[in-house]
Protein backbone atom coordinates (compact mmCIF):
# COMPACT_ATOMS: atom_id res chain seq x y z
CA MET A 1 0.00 0.00 0.00
CA ARG A 2 1.15 3.49 -0.71
CA GLY A 3 -0.04 6.96 0.07
CA GLY A 4 1.50 10.28 -0.70
CA LEU A 5 1.37 13.57 -2.51
CA ALA A 6 1.66 14.36 -6.20
CA TYR A 7 1.99 17.72 -7.90
CA TYR A 8 0.11 18.78 -11.03
CA GLU A 9 -0.57 22.53 -10.85
CA GLU A 10 -1.39 21.92 -7.15
CA LEU A 11 -0.78 19.24 -4.51
CA LEU A 12 -2.91 16.11 -4.84
CA LEU A 13 -3.43 13.22 -2.43
CA VAL A 14 -2.66 9.75 -3.82
CA ALA A 15 -3.69 6.34 -2.43
CA GLU A 16 -2.61 3.14 -4.16
CA LEU A 17 -2.26 -0.63 -3.86
CA ASP A 18 0.90 -1.94 -5.58
CA PHE A 19 1.96 -5.43 -6.59
CA LEU A 20 5.68 -6.20 -7.10
CA VAL A 21 7.22 -9.03 -9.11
CA GLY A 22 10.97 -9.48 -9.42
CA GLY A 23 14.27 -10.24 -7.80
CA ARG A 24 16.43 -8.67 -5.13
CA LYS A 25 16.73 -5.14 -6.53
CA HIS A 26 14.75 -4.94 -9.79
CA PHE A 27 10.95 -5.17 -9.90
CA PHE A 28 8.00 -4.90 -12.23
CA GLU A 29 5.36 -2.85 -10.43
CA LEU A 30 1.63 -2.86 -11.07
CA GLY A 31 -0.59 -0.47 -9.13
CA PHE A 32 -4.24 0.49 -8.82
CA GLY A 33 -5.37 3.54 -6.93
CA THR A 34 -6.94 6.97 -6.82
CA THR A 35 -5.70 10.54 -7.05
CA PHE A 36 -7.88 12.87 -5.03
CA HIS A 37 -8.57 16.41 -6.21
CA VAL A 38 -10.56 19.03 -4.26
CA ASP A 39 -13.92 17.99 -5.70
CA ARG A 40 -13.13 14.77 -7.62
CA ALA A 41 -11.28 11.48 -7.50
CA PHE A 42 -9.43 10.08 -10.52
CA PRO A 43 -8.86 6.30 -10.64
CA LEU A 44 -5.43 5.30 -11.92
CA ILE A 45 -3.64 2.24 -13.26
CA ARG A 46 0.15 2.16 -13.12
CA ALA A 47 2.73 -0.25 -14.57
CA GLY A 48 6.45 0.37 -14.37
CA TYR A 49 9.93 -0.39 -13.13
CA ARG A 50 11.22 -0.13 -9.55
CA TYR A 51 14.82 -0.30 -8.35
CA GLN A 52 15.16 -0.84 -4.63
CA GLY A 53 18.74 -0.92 -3.36
CA MET A 54 19.89 -2.94 -0.37
CA LYS A 55 20.50 0.22 1.70
CA GLY A 56 17.04 1.67 1.00
CA LEU A 57 17.45 3.76 -2.19
CA LEU A 58 14.22 3.58 -4.18
CA ILE A 59 13.76 4.74 -7.80
CA ARG A 60 10.58 4.26 -9.84
CA VAL A 61 9.73 5.00 -13.47
CA THR A 62 6.05 4.50 -14.20
CA PRO A 63 3.67 5.34 -17.01
CA GLN A 64 0.13 5.56 -15.64
CA LEU A 65 -3.39 5.86 -16.99
CA LEU A 66 -5.57 8.41 -15.17
CA ILE A 67 -9.27 7.97 -15.85
CA ASP A 68 -10.94 11.36 -16.20
CA ASP A 69 -14.51 10.10 -16.64
CA VAL A 70 -16.30 7.04 -18.03
CA ASP A 71 -15.20 7.61 -21.63
CA HIS A 72 -11.88 9.43 -21.23
CA GLY A 73 -8.49 8.91 -19.71
CA PHE A 74 -5.01 10.18 -20.30
CA LEU A 75 -1.56 8.71 -20.14
CA TRP A 76 0.79 10.33 -17.63
CA GLY A 77 4.31 9.50 -16.53
CA GLY A 78 5.88 9.37 -13.14
CA LEU A 79 9.43 9.44 -11.80
CA SER A 80 10.11 9.14 -8.09
CA ALA A 81 13.11 8.68 -5.84
CA GLY A 82 13.24 8.13 -2.13
CA TYR A 83 14.27 5.92 0.74
CA ALA A 84 12.43 2.74 1.75
CA PHE A 85 12.50 1.64 5.38
């Protein structure tokens, strides 16, 4: 599970459930979640690559599909770096 903040013209709250498949440091990541805006929530689907070093360094590169309404969505990319405990 993951929660955090994203920035797209303003700060957004993100909640997500991720599934990881891979070895010691390199993973395929698949995630399903929601990005919350002031008056709306946008479901998202994410698939990407995660590197997680032995000392906690975490780097992710993920294209994601944000669903704007029933008939529309748009492809967005994500890059994140951090430290995993």
